[in-house]
């Protein structure tokens, strides 16, 4: 997996709206990279000697010499935005992103930390560190894949659980196959599995970004499914493909024939399509789950589905029985 970034395509300095901000960001990279003598090679300044700034970074990493590389946002942006890499003499490499508007005040996982009043995200690259160039020309860390754990995960059978159990501890179900009995609510903006015994719900998604009947649009969260082992190595997501069978067709037909009527002034749906759903759970990290528990009334768009407001989604593989309408 390549670290996701979004800013200018070439390495350059001084193009951010604020030269002061650009200098501060550069110094942050330098401080992460510098050895005890305070020396770290600025791969932008010395690019010509190596062929390119990216070649400089690769060579410095190979030789275990400190370096940093600063990509800055286009000058016409209304806010300062930058990304860079910093590597120290011990072979540690950090991916650093700055956003003048700030990030949600929570680290997305244990390999991330926030600095500068949540304007800077620093992510430690997983070893063995390997750098690749993205399609837009940016140098980024590649998260290694645990092939053995990925193969084991792909073979697991669905476990029986409930919407409420998943909502109570989403991370415990991440990248697991489940079988859930629930009722479905679908309209132009929502595709939700619910259980009357608890509040909230799971986003119901389709492989490949498809949508179910009555859902007008499905906004991608940009999250990468799958999980990680204790070392941070990636475990690939369990492959899921949608089974187009009579049970799914019946479910979709009932959803089309029974759009959700609303109780006036309350907005509570009064008609539900109930079935047993089988699929893969994708969830937020334990860090995000705990953060959202502490800030239940605040909306940070950290999850899945509509407005990224769900802590977990069920990526549908099949409907396991005949759906019914209440």
C-alpha atoms as a PDB file:
ATOM      1  CA  UNK A   1       0.000   0.000   0.000  1.00  0.00           C
ATOM      2  CA  UNK A   2       1.384   3.395  -0.872  1.00  0.00           C
ATOM      3  CA  UNK A   3       1.055   6.143   1.676  1.00  0.00           C
ATOM      4  CA  UNK A   4      -1.683   8.440   0.396  1.00  0.00           C
ATOM      5  CA  UNK A   5      -0.809  12.073  -0.214  1.00  0.00           C
ATOM      6  CA  UNK A   6      -2.297  14.887  -2.261  1.00  0.00           C
ATOM      7  CA  UNK A   7      -0.256  17.914  -3.224  1.00  0.00           C
ATOM      8  CA  UNK A   8       1.995  19.135  -6.036  1.00  0.00           C
ATOM      9  CA  UNK A   9       3.588  16.636  -8.412  1.00  0.00           C
ATOM     10  CA  UNK A  10       7.255  17.646  -8.271  1.00  0.00           C
ATOM     11  CA  UNK A  11       9.750  18.249  -5.489  1.00  0.00           C
ATOM     12  CA  UNK A  12      10.316  21.949  -5.029  1.00  0.00           C
ATOM     13  CA  UNK A  13      10.761  24.550  -2.316  1.00  0.00           C
ATOM     14  CA  UNK A  14       9.265  27.940  -1.635  1.00  0.00           C
ATOM     15  CA  UNK A  15       6.007  27.419  -3.573  1.00  0.00           C
ATOM     16  CA  UNK A  16       3.674  27.242  -0.559  1.00  0.00           C
ATOM     17  CA  UNK A  17       1.445  30.295   0.110  1.00  0.00           C
ATOM     18  CA  UNK A  18       3.528  31.057   3.198  1.00  0.00           C
ATOM     19  CA  UNK A  19       7.323  30.946   2.979  1.00  0.00           C
ATOM     20  CA  UNK A  20       7.418  30.878   6.779  1.00  0.00           C
ATOM     21  CA  UNK A  21       5.189  27.795   6.865  1.00  0.00           C
ATOM     22  CA  UNK A  22       7.353  26.135   4.235  1.00  0.00           C
ATOM     23  CA  UNK A  23      10.477  26.815   6.278  1.00  0.00           C
ATOM     24  CA  UNK A  24       8.864  25.451   9.432  1.00  0.00           C
ATOM     25  CA  UNK A  25       7.801  22.289   7.584  1.00  0.00           C
ATOM     26  CA  UNK A  26      11.307  21.858   6.162  1.00  0.00           C
ATOM     27  CA  UNK A  27      12.799  22.226   9.622  1.00  0.00           C
ATOM     28  CA  UNK A  28      10.381  19.589  10.939  1.00  0.00           C
ATOM     29  CA  UNK A  29      11.667  17.185   8.285  1.00  0.00           C
ATOM     30  CA  UNK A  30      15.263  18.112   9.065  1.00  0.00           C
ATOM     31  CA  UNK A  31      14.781  17.492  12.798  1.00  0.00           C
ATOM     32  CA  UNK A  32      13.324  14.026  12.179  1.00  0.00           C
ATOM     33  CA  UNK A  33      16.219  13.087   9.920  1.00  0.00           C
ATOM     34  CA  UNK A  34      19.207  14.678  11.632  1.00  0.00           C
ATOM     35  CA  UNK A  35      21.802  12.552  13.381  1.00  0.00           C
ATOM     36  CA  UNK A  36      23.579  13.572  16.597  1.00  0.00           C
ATOM     37  CA  UNK A  37      25.786  15.986  14.700  1.00  0.00           C
ATOM     38  CA  UNK A  38      22.701  17.690  13.351  1.00  0.00           C
ATOM     39  CA  UNK A  39      23.520  16.805   9.764  1.00  0.00           C
ATOM     40  CA  UNK A  40      20.953  15.562   7.223  1.00  0.00           C
ATOM     41  CA  UNK A  41      21.083  15.845   3.460  1.00  0.00           C
ATOM     42  CA  UNK A  42      18.432  18.021   1.850  1.00  0.00           C
ATOM     43  CA  UNK A  43      17.698  15.947  -1.260  1.00  0.00           C
ATOM     44  CA  UNK A  44      15.984  18.858  -2.996  1.00  0.00           C
ATOM     45  CA  UNK A  45      19.043  21.105  -2.698  1.00  0.00           C
ATOM     46  CA  UNK A  46      21.426  18.353  -3.773  1.00  0.00           C
ATOM     47  CA  UNK A  47      19.251  16.701  -6.439  1.00  0.00           C
ATOM     48  CA  UNK A  48      21.589  17.553  -9.319  1.00  0.00           C
ATOM     49  CA  UNK A  49      24.429  15.536  -7.789  1.00  0.00           C
ATOM     50  CA  UNK A  50      22.272  12.399  -7.645  1.00  0.00           C
ATOM     51  CA  UNK A  51      20.214  12.782 -10.831  1.00  0.00           C
ATOM     52  CA  UNK A  52      17.029  13.638  -8.947  1.00  0.00           C
ATOM     53  CA  UNK A  53      15.768  14.278  -5.446  1.00  0.00           C
ATOM     54  CA  UNK A  54      14.159  10.838  -5.418  1.00  0.00           C
ATOM     55  CA  UNK A  55      17.442   9.156  -6.410  1.00  0.00           C
ATOM     56  CA  UNK A  56      19.116  11.030  -3.584  1.00  0.00           C
ATOM     57  CA  UNK A  57      16.566   9.720  -1.062  1.00  0.00           C
ATOM     58  CA  UNK A  58      16.945   6.136  -2.269  1.00  0.00           C
ATOM     59  CA  UNK A  59      20.765   6.279  -2.099  1.00  0.00           C
ATOM     60  CA  UNK A  60      20.778   7.860   1.357  1.00  0.00           C
ATOM     61  CA  UNK A  61      18.390   5.190   2.631  1.00  0.00           C
ATOM     62  CA  UNK A  62      20.498   2.420   1.142  1.00  0.00           C
ATOM     63  CA  UNK A  63      23.635   3.793   2.811  1.00  0.00           C
ATOM     64  CA  UNK A  64      21.867   4.507   6.115  1.00  0.00           C
ATOM     65  CA  UNK A  65      22.591   8.215   5.879  1.00  0.00           C
ATOM     66  CA  UNK A  66      20.091  10.847   7.069  1.00  0.00           C
ATOM     67  CA  UNK A  67      18.077  12.711   4.454  1.00  0.00           C
ATOM     68  CA  UNK A  68      14.866  14.614   3.914  1.00  0.00           C
ATOM     69  CA  UNK A  69      12.790  15.406   0.854  1.00  0.00           C
ATOM     70  CA  UNK A  70      10.183  18.157   0.762  1.00  0.00           C
ATOM     71  CA  UNK A  71       7.286  18.279  -1.701  1.00  0.00           C
ATOM     72  CA  UNK A  72       5.315  21.519  -1.307  1.00  0.00           C
ATOM     73  CA  UNK A  73       1.802  22.414  -2.411  1.00  0.00           C
ATOM     74  CA  UNK A  74       1.061  24.641  -5.425  1.00  0.00           C
ATOM     75  CA  UNK A  75       1.340  28.359  -4.774  1.00  0.00           C
ATOM     76  CA  UNK A  76      -2.262  29.037  -5.850  1.00  0.00           C
ATOM     77  CA  UNK A  77      -3.797  26.952  -3.038  1.00  0.00           C
ATOM     78  CA  UNK A  78      -5.726  29.035  -0.459  1.00  0.00           C
ATOM     79  CA  UNK A  79      -3.916  27.199   2.354  1.00  0.00           C
ATOM     80  CA  UNK A  80      -0.477  25.737   3.018  1.00  0.00           C
ATOM     81  CA  UNK A  81      -0.099  22.055   2.228  1.00  0.00           C
ATOM     82  CA  UNK A  82       2.965  19.880   2.032  1.00  0.00           C
ATOM     83  CA  UNK A  83       4.378  16.379   2.181  1.00  0.00           C
ATOM     84  CA  UNK A  84       7.820  14.985   2.670  1.00  0.00           C
ATOM     85  CA  UNK A  85       9.988  12.053   3.718  1.00  0.00           C
ATOM     86  CA  UNK A  86      12.631  12.046   6.419  1.00  0.00           C
ATOM     87  CA  UNK A  87      15.097   9.220   7.057  1.00  0.00           C
ATOM     88  CA  UNK A  88      17.602   8.958   9.915  1.00  0.00           C
ATOM     89  CA  UNK A  89      20.921   7.146  10.244  1.00  0.00           C
ATOM     90  CA  UNK A  90      19.254   4.104  11.845  1.00  0.00           C
ATOM     91  CA  UNK A  91      17.181   3.351   8.763  1.00  0.00           C
ATOM     92  CA  UNK A  92      13.953   4.795  10.152  1.00  0.00           C
ATOM     93  CA  UNK A  93      11.866   6.677   7.578  1.00  0.00           C
ATOM     94  CA  UNK A  94       8.935   8.960   8.316  1.00  0.00           C
ATOM     95  CA  UNK A  95       6.191  10.148   6.012  1.00  0.00           C
ATOM     96  CA  UNK A  96       5.189  13.685   7.001  1.00  0.00           C
ATOM     97  CA  UNK A  97       2.125  15.611   5.842  1.00  0.00           C
ATOM     98  CA  UNK A  98       1.283  19.199   6.758  1.00  0.00           C
ATOM     99  CA  UNK A  99      -2.167  20.766   6.359  1.00  0.00           C
ATOM    100  CA  UNK A 100      -2.754  24.360   7.450  1.00  0.00           C
ATOM    101  CA  UNK A 101      -6.437  23.545   8.005  1.00  0.00           C
ATOM    102  CA  UNK A 102      -5.495  20.801  10.447  1.00  0.00           C
ATOM    103  CA  UNK A 103      -6.298  17.101  10.820  1.00  0.00           C
ATOM    104  CA  UNK A 104      -8.890  15.441  13.082  1.00  0.00           C
ATOM    105  CA  UNK A 105      -7.318  15.391  16.556  1.00  0.00           C
ATOM    106  CA  UNK A 106      -6.674  11.649  16.683  1.00  0.00           C
ATOM    107  CA  UNK A 107      -3.889   9.417  15.390  1.00  0.00           C
ATOM    108  CA  UNK A 108      -5.402   6.903  12.962  1.00  0.00           C
ATOM    109  CA  UNK A 109      -3.155   4.068  14.200  1.00  0.00           C
ATOM    110  CA  UNK A 110      -0.256   3.410  16.547  1.00  0.00           C
ATOM    111  CA  UNK A 111       2.333   4.192  13.875  1.00  0.00           C
ATOM    112  CA  UNK A 112       1.050   7.759  13.500  1.00  0.00           C
ATOM    113  CA  UNK A 113       1.489  10.829  15.669  1.00  0.00           C
ATOM    114  CA  UNK A 114       0.215  14.373  15.426  1.00  0.00           C
ATOM    115  CA  UNK A 115       2.269  17.495  16.042  1.00  0.00           C
ATOM    116  CA  UNK A 116       2.048  21.254  15.645  1.00  0.00           C
ATOM    117  CA  UNK A 117      -1.480  21.484  17.077  1.00  0.00           C
ATOM    118  CA  UNK A 118      -2.734  18.706  14.764  1.00  0.00           C
ATOM    119  CA  UNK A 119      -1.449  20.365  11.601  1.00  0.00           C
ATOM    120  CA  UNK A 120       1.294  17.790  11.025  1.00  0.00           C
ATOM    121  CA  UNK A 121       0.888  14.025  10.651  1.00  0.00           C
ATOM    122  CA  UNK A 122       3.980  11.872  11.041  1.00  0.00           C
ATOM    123  CA  UNK A 123       3.766   8.206  10.047  1.00  0.00           C
ATOM    124  CA  UNK A 124       6.635   5.802  10.714  1.00  0.00           C
ATOM    125  CA  UNK A 125       7.255   3.625   7.664  1.00  0.00           C
ATOM    126  CA  UNK A 126       7.117  -0.118   8.321  1.00  0.00           C
ATOM    127  CA  UNK A 127      10.394  -1.995   8.029  1.00  0.00           C
ATOM    128  CA  UNK A 128      11.886  -3.275   5.846  1.00  0.00           C
ATOM    129  CA  UNK A 129      11.453   0.177   4.327  1.00  0.00           C
ATOM    130  CA  UNK A 130      10.892   0.236   0.583  1.00  0.00           C
ATOM    131  CA  UNK A 131      10.271   3.408  -1.405  1.00  0.00           C
ATOM    132  CA  UNK A 132       8.275   3.567  -4.618  1.00  0.00           C
ATOM    133  CA  UNK A 133       7.098   6.367  -6.845  1.00  0.00           C
ATOM    134  CA  UNK A 134       3.341   6.857  -7.042  1.00  0.00           C
ATOM    135  CA  UNK A 135       1.458   7.454 -10.275  1.00  0.00           C
ATOM    136  CA  UNK A 136       1.745  11.204  -9.712  1.00  0.00           C
ATOM    137  CA  UNK A 137       5.479  11.133  -9.243  1.00  0.00           C
ATOM    138  CA  UNK A 138       5.715  11.210  -5.454  1.00  0.00           C
ATOM    139  CA  UNK A 139       8.116   9.020  -3.500  1.00  0.00           C
ATOM    140  CA  UNK A 140       6.272   7.075  -0.793  1.00  0.00           C
ATOM    141  CA  UNK A 141       6.726   4.164   1.581  1.00  0.00           C
ATOM    142  CA  UNK A 142       5.311   0.774   0.684  1.00  0.00           C
ATOM    143  CA  UNK A 143       3.684  -1.171   3.513  1.00  0.00           C
ATOM    144  CA  UNK A 144       4.956  -4.773   3.279  1.00  0.00           C
ATOM    145  CA  UNK A 145       2.371  -7.551   3.039  1.00  0.00           C
ATOM    146  CA  UNK A 146       2.239 -10.555   5.372  1.00  0.00           C
ATOM    147  CA  UNK A 147       1.473 -13.145   2.706  1.00  0.00           C
ATOM    148  CA  UNK A 148       1.014 -16.052   5.134  1.00  0.00           C
ATOM    149  CA  UNK A 149      -1.439 -14.193   7.357  1.00  0.00           C
ATOM    150  CA  UNK A 150      -3.276 -12.923   4.279  1.00  0.00           C
ATOM    151  CA  UNK A 151      -3.708 -16.476   2.974  1.00  0.00           C
ATOM    152  CA  UNK A 152      -5.014 -17.666   6.352  1.00  0.00           C
ATOM    153  CA  UNK A 153      -7.461 -14.751   6.560  1.00  0.00           C
ATOM    154  CA  UNK A 154      -8.818 -15.498   3.086  1.00  0.00           C
ATOM    155  CA  UNK A 155      -9.783 -19.038   4.154  1.00  0.00           C
ATOM    156  CA  UNK A 156     -11.873 -18.144   7.202  1.00  0.00           C
ATOM    157  CA  UNK A 157     -15.544 -19.066   7.432  1.00  0.00           C
ATOM    158  CA  UNK A 158     -18.236 -16.547   8.451  1.00  0.00           C
ATOM    159  CA  UNK A 159     -18.938 -16.245  12.171  1.00  0.00           C
ATOM    160  CA  UNK A 160     -22.403 -15.527  13.553  1.00  0.00           C
ATOM    161  CA  UNK A 161     -22.678 -12.180  15.277  1.00  0.00           C
ATOM    162  CA  UNK A 162     -24.928  -9.119  15.559  1.00  0.00           C
ATOM    163  CA  UNK A 163     -24.913  -5.479  14.558  1.00  0.00           C
ATOM    164  CA  UNK A 164     -24.719  -4.572  18.262  1.00  0.00           C
ATOM    165  CA  UNK A 165     -21.646  -6.743  18.867  1.00  0.00           C
ATOM    166  CA  UNK A 166     -19.790  -5.169  15.958  1.00  0.00           C
ATOM    167  CA  UNK A 167     -20.696  -1.645  17.053  1.00  0.00           C
ATOM    168  CA  UNK A 168     -19.461  -2.304  20.595  1.00  0.00           C
ATOM    169  CA  UNK A 169     -15.953  -3.231  19.391  1.00  0.00           C
ATOM    170  CA  UNK A 170     -15.555  -2.621  15.638  1.00  0.00           C
ATOM    171  CA  UNK A 171     -11.818  -3.302  15.485  1.00  0.00           C
ATOM    172  CA  UNK A 172     -12.304  -6.822  16.882  1.00  0.00           C
ATOM    173  CA  UNK A 173     -14.261  -7.712  13.725  1.00  0.00           C
ATOM    174  CA  UNK A 174     -12.108  -5.908  11.185  1.00  0.00           C
ATOM    175  CA  UNK A 175     -11.278  -8.072   8.144  1.00  0.00           C
ATOM    176  CA  UNK A 176     -13.431 -10.944   9.400  1.00  0.00           C
ATOM    177  CA  UNK A 177     -16.268 -12.703   7.620  1.00  0.00           C
ATOM    178  CA  UNK A 178     -19.560 -12.501   9.518  1.00  0.00           C
ATOM    179  CA  UNK A 179     -23.177 -13.617   9.261  1.00  0.00           C
ATOM    180  CA  UNK A 180     -25.630 -11.054  10.646  1.00  0.00           C
ATOM    181  CA  UNK A 181     -29.420 -11.018  10.960  1.00  0.00           C
ATOM    182  CA  UNK A 182     -30.568  -7.413  10.655  1.00  0.00           C
ATOM    183  CA  UNK A 183     -33.007  -5.080   8.995  1.00  0.00           C
ATOM    184  CA  UNK A 184     -32.024  -2.819   6.154  1.00  0.00           C
ATOM    185  CA  UNK A 185     -32.734   0.887   5.690  1.00  0.00           C
ATOM    186  CA  UNK A 186     -31.973   2.326   2.284  1.00  0.00           C
ATOM    187  CA  UNK A 187     -32.600   5.719   0.728  1.00  0.00           C
ATOM    188  CA  UNK A 188     -30.722   8.134  -1.506  1.00  0.00           C
ATOM    189  CA  UNK A 189     -27.955   8.712   1.035  1.00  0.00           C
ATOM    190  CA  UNK A 190     -28.043   5.691   3.328  1.00  0.00           C
ATOM    191  CA  UNK A 191     -27.484   1.960   3.121  1.00  0.00           C
ATOM    192  CA  UNK A 192     -27.696   0.759   6.700  1.00  0.00           C
ATOM    193  CA  UNK A 193     -28.029  -2.471   8.652  1.00  0.00           C
ATOM    194  CA  UNK A 194     -29.694  -1.965  12.027  1.00  0.00           C
ATOM    195  CA  UNK A 195     -30.764  -3.878  15.129  1.00  0.00           C
ATOM    196  CA  UNK A 196     -33.493  -2.635  17.489  1.00  0.00           C
ATOM    197  CA  UNK A 197     -31.439  -3.695  20.498  1.00  0.00           C
ATOM    198  CA  UNK A 198     -28.846  -0.945  20.033  1.00  0.00           C
ATOM    199  CA  UNK A 199     -28.340   2.471  18.505  1.00  0.00           C
ATOM    200  CA  UNK A 200     -26.350   3.123  15.357  1.00  0.00           C
ATOM    201  CA  UNK A 201     -25.825   0.825  12.413  1.00  0.00           C
ATOM    202  CA  UNK A 202     -23.434  -0.677   9.901  1.00  0.00           C
ATOM    203  CA  UNK A 203     -22.979   0.683   6.409  1.00  0.00           C
ATOM    204  CA  UNK A 204     -23.893  -2.002   3.869  1.00  0.00           C
ATOM    205  CA  UNK A 205     -21.596  -1.808   0.869  1.00  0.00           C
ATOM    206  CA  UNK A 206     -21.113  -3.768  -2.345  1.00  0.00           C
ATOM    207  CA  UNK A 207     -17.802  -4.998  -3.767  1.00  0.00           C
ATOM    208  CA  UNK A 208     -16.333  -2.753  -6.418  1.00  0.00           C
ATOM    209  CA  UNK A 209     -18.190   0.334  -5.196  1.00  0.00           C
ATOM    210  CA  UNK A 210     -21.642  -0.765  -6.389  1.00  0.00           C
ATOM    211  CA  UNK A 211     -24.790   0.387  -4.654  1.00  0.00           C
ATOM    212  CA  UNK A 212     -28.017  -1.271  -3.589  1.00  0.00           C
ATOM    213  CA  UNK A 213     -31.484  -0.213  -4.776  1.00  0.00           C
ATOM    214  CA  UNK A 214     -32.668   3.227  -3.582  1.00  0.00           C
ATOM    215  CA  UNK A 215     -29.101   4.389  -2.859  1.00  0.00           C
ATOM    216  CA  UNK A 216     -28.342   7.234  -5.212  1.00  0.00           C
ATOM    217  CA  UNK A 217     -24.616   7.487  -4.575  1.00  0.00           C
ATOM    218  CA  UNK A 218     -21.828   5.812  -2.687  1.00  0.00           C
ATOM    219  CA  UNK A 219     -18.968   8.064  -1.624  1.00  0.00           C
ATOM    220  CA  UNK A 220     -15.666   6.264  -1.250  1.00  0.00           C
ATOM    221  CA  UNK A 221     -13.970   6.783   2.091  1.00  0.00           C
ATOM    222  CA  UNK A 222     -10.523   6.354   0.640  1.00  0.00           C
ATOM    223  CA  UNK A 223      -9.750   3.839   3.367  1.00  0.00           C
ATOM    224  CA  UNK A 224      -7.710   0.784   2.495  1.00  0.00           C
ATOM    225  CA  UNK A 225      -9.459  -2.417   3.690  1.00  0.00           C
ATOM    226  CA  UNK A 226      -7.625  -5.221   5.391  1.00  0.00           C
ATOM    227  CA  UNK A 227      -5.792  -5.382   8.703  1.00  0.00           C
ATOM    228  CA  UNK A 228      -2.276  -5.384  10.130  1.00  0.00           C
ATOM    229  CA  UNK A 229      -0.221  -7.755  12.217  1.00  0.00           C
ATOM    230  CA  UNK A 230       1.478  -6.624  15.470  1.00  0.00           C
ATOM    231  CA  UNK A 231       4.496  -5.373  13.513  1.00  0.00           C
ATOM    232  CA  UNK A 232       2.335  -3.195  11.276  1.00  0.00           C
ATOM    233  CA  UNK A 233       2.720  -5.409   8.219  1.00  0.00           C
ATOM    234  CA  UNK A 234      -0.396  -5.454   6.082  1.00  0.00           C
ATOM    235  CA  UNK A 235      -2.834  -8.366   5.968  1.00  0.00           C
ATOM    236  CA  UNK A 236      -4.757  -8.174   2.711  1.00  0.00           C
ATOM    237  CA  UNK A 237      -8.552  -7.828   2.800  1.00  0.00           C
ATOM    238  CA  UNK A 238     -10.534 -11.044   2.489  1.00  0.00           C
ATOM    239  CA  UNK A 239     -11.674 -11.260  -1.144  1.00  0.00           C
ATOM    240  CA  UNK A 240     -15.423 -10.674  -1.457  1.00  0.00           C
ATOM    241  CA  UNK A 241     -17.551 -11.019  -4.579  1.00  0.00           C
ATOM    242  CA  UNK A 242     -21.306 -10.492  -4.647  1.00  0.00           C
ATOM    243  CA  UNK A 243     -23.343 -13.663  -5.219  1.00  0.00           C
ATOM    244  CA  UNK A 244     -26.098 -12.878  -7.718  1.00  0.00           C
ATOM    245  CA  UNK A 245     -28.590 -15.556  -6.662  1.00  0.00           C
ATOM    246  CA  UNK A 246     -32.368 -15.777  -5.986  1.00  0.00           C
ATOM    247  CA  UNK A 247     -31.922 -14.648  -2.366  1.00  0.00           C
ATOM    248  CA  UNK A 248     -30.173 -11.443  -3.402  1.00  0.00           C
ATOM    249  CA  UNK A 249     -32.716 -10.811  -6.144  1.00  0.00           C
ATOM    250  CA  UNK A 250     -35.578 -11.210  -3.669  1.00  0.00           C
ATOM    251  CA  UNK A 251     -33.905  -8.808  -1.233  1.00  0.00           C
ATOM    252  CA  UNK A 252     -33.351  -6.179  -3.923  1.00  0.00           C
ATOM    253  CA  UNK A 253     -36.917  -6.573  -5.199  1.00  0.00           C
ATOM    254  CA  UNK A 254     -38.363  -5.999  -1.720  1.00  0.00           C
ATOM    255  CA  UNK A 255     -36.157  -2.960  -1.237  1.00  0.00           C
ATOM    256  CA  UNK A 256     -37.394  -1.500  -4.542  1.00  0.00           C
ATOM    257  CA  UNK A 257     -41.050  -2.228  -3.769  1.00  0.00           C
ATOM    258  CA  UNK A 258     -40.907  -0.918  -0.222  1.00  0.00           C
ATOM    259  CA  UNK A 259     -39.177   2.434  -0.043  1.00  0.00           C
ATOM    260  CA  UNK A 260     -38.849   3.724   3.486  1.00  0.00           C
ATOM    261  CA  UNK A 261     -41.913   5.784   4.528  1.00  0.00           C
ATOM    262  CA  UNK A 262     -41.216   8.215   7.342  1.00  0.00           C
ATOM    263  CA  UNK A 263     -43.230   9.143  10.422  1.00  0.00           C
ATOM    264  CA  UNK A 264     -43.945  12.874  10.048  1.00  0.00           C
ATOM    265  CA  UNK A 265     -41.778  15.137  12.220  1.00  0.00           C
ATOM    266  CA  UNK A 266     -39.877  12.195  13.665  1.00  0.00           C
ATOM    267  CA  UNK A 267     -38.187  10.839  10.573  1.00  0.00           C
ATOM    268  CA  UNK A 268     -38.156   7.281  11.885  1.00  0.00           C
ATOM    269  CA  UNK A 269     -38.551   4.599   9.208  1.00  0.00           C
ATOM    270  CA  UNK A 270     -41.548   2.357   9.858  1.00  0.00           C
ATOM    271  CA  UNK A 271     -40.983  -0.318   7.221  1.00  0.00           C
ATOM    272  CA  UNK A 272     -37.953  -2.590   7.095  1.00  0.00           C
ATOM    273  CA  UNK A 273     -36.560  -5.336   4.875  1.00  0.00           C
ATOM    274  CA  UNK A 274     -35.073  -8.052   7.111  1.00  0.00           C
ATOM    275  CA  UNK A 275     -32.603 -10.757   6.052  1.00  0.00           C
ATOM    276  CA  UNK A 276     -29.397 -12.549   7.014  1.00  0.00           C
ATOM    277  CA  UNK A 277     -26.358 -10.882   5.472  1.00  0.00           C
ATOM    278  CA  UNK A 278     -22.933 -12.462   4.921  1.00  0.00           C
ATOM    279  CA  UNK A 279     -19.857 -10.407   4.208  1.00  0.00           C
ATOM    280  CA  UNK A 280     -16.585  -8.881   5.366  1.00  0.00           C
ATOM    281  CA  UNK A 281     -16.419  -6.298   8.123  1.00  0.00           C
ATOM    282  CA  UNK A 282     -14.225  -3.246   7.549  1.00  0.00           C
ATOM    283  CA  UNK A 283     -13.853  -1.051  10.610  1.00  0.00           C
ATOM    284  CA  UNK A 284     -12.092   1.974  12.026  1.00  0.00           C
ATOM    285  CA  UNK A 285      -9.025   1.469  14.196  1.00  0.00           C
ATOM    286  CA  UNK A 286      -9.207   1.061  17.996  1.00  0.00           C
ATOM    287  CA  UNK A 287      -7.760   4.577  18.312  1.00  0.00           C
ATOM    288  CA  UNK A 288     -10.594   6.114  16.279  1.00  0.00           C
ATOM    289  CA  UNK A 289     -13.244   4.033  18.075  1.00  0.00           C
ATOM    290  CA  UNK A 290     -12.059   5.269  21.483  1.00  0.00           C
ATOM    291  CA  UNK A 291     -11.839   8.839  20.216  1.00  0.00           C
ATOM    292  CA  UNK A 292     -15.406   8.752  18.901  1.00  0.00           C
ATOM    293  CA  UNK A 293     -16.647   7.287  22.203  1.00  0.00           C
ATOM    294  CA  UNK A 294     -15.181  10.306  23.982  1.00  0.00           C
ATOM    295  CA  UNK A 295     -16.679  12.732  21.444  1.00  0.00           C
ATOM    296  CA  UNK A 296     -20.088  11.199  20.644  1.00  0.00           C
ATOM    297  CA  UNK A 297     -21.713  14.454  19.555  1.00  0.00           C
ATOM    298  CA  UNK A 298     -18.922  15.577  17.237  1.00  0.00           C
ATOM    299  CA  UNK A 299     -18.742  14.535  13.599  1.00  0.00           C
ATOM    300  CA  UNK A 300     -15.228  14.019  12.286  1.00  0.00           C
ATOM    301  CA  UNK A 301     -15.938  12.005   9.099  1.00  0.00           C
ATOM    302  CA  UNK A 302     -13.521   9.280  10.118  1.00  0.00           C
ATOM    303  CA  UNK A 303     -15.536   6.211   9.156  1.00  0.00           C
ATOM    304  CA  UNK A 304     -17.437   4.680   6.266  1.00  0.00           C
ATOM    305  CA  UNK A 305     -20.525   5.342   4.186  1.00  0.00           C
ATOM    306  CA  UNK A 306     -22.517   8.561   3.967  1.00  0.00           C
ATOM    307  CA  UNK A 307     -20.399  11.465   5.239  1.00  0.00           C
ATOM    308  CA  UNK A 308     -17.963   8.815   6.526  1.00  0.00           C
ATOM    309  CA  UNK A 309     -20.185   8.612   9.581  1.00  0.00           C
ATOM    310  CA  UNK A 310     -20.192   4.840  10.247  1.00  0.00           C
ATOM    311  CA  UNK A 311     -17.562   3.093  12.372  1.00  0.00           C
ATOM    312  CA  UNK A 312     -17.876  -0.127  10.369  1.00  0.00           C
ATOM    313  CA  UNK A 313     -19.236  -1.448   7.116  1.00  0.00           C
ATOM    314  CA  UNK A 314     -20.315  -4.890   5.958  1.00  0.00           C
ATOM    315  CA  UNK A 315     -19.044  -5.564   2.443  1.00  0.00           C
ATOM    316  CA  UNK A 316     -21.815  -7.786   1.144  1.00  0.00           C
ATOM    317  CA  UNK A 317     -21.042 -11.228  -0.247  1.00  0.00           C
ATOM    318  CA  UNK A 318     -24.483 -12.823  -0.104  1.00  0.00           C
ATOM    319  CA  UNK A 319     -27.976 -12.784   1.376  1.00  0.00           C
ATOM    320  CA  UNK A 320     -28.254 -16.106   3.194  1.00  0.00           C
ATOM    321  CA  UNK A 321     -32.037 -16.518   3.350  1.00  0.00           C
ATOM    322  CA  UNK A 322     -35.320 -15.152   2.032  1.00  0.00           C
ATOM    323  CA  UNK A 323     -35.734 -11.520   2.922  1.00  0.00           C
ATOM    324  CA  UNK A 324     -38.992 -10.426   4.553  1.00  0.00           C
ATOM    325  CA  UNK A 325     -40.796  -7.119   4.961  1.00  0.00           C
ATOM    326  CA  UNK A 326     -42.092  -5.914   8.308  1.00  0.00           C
END
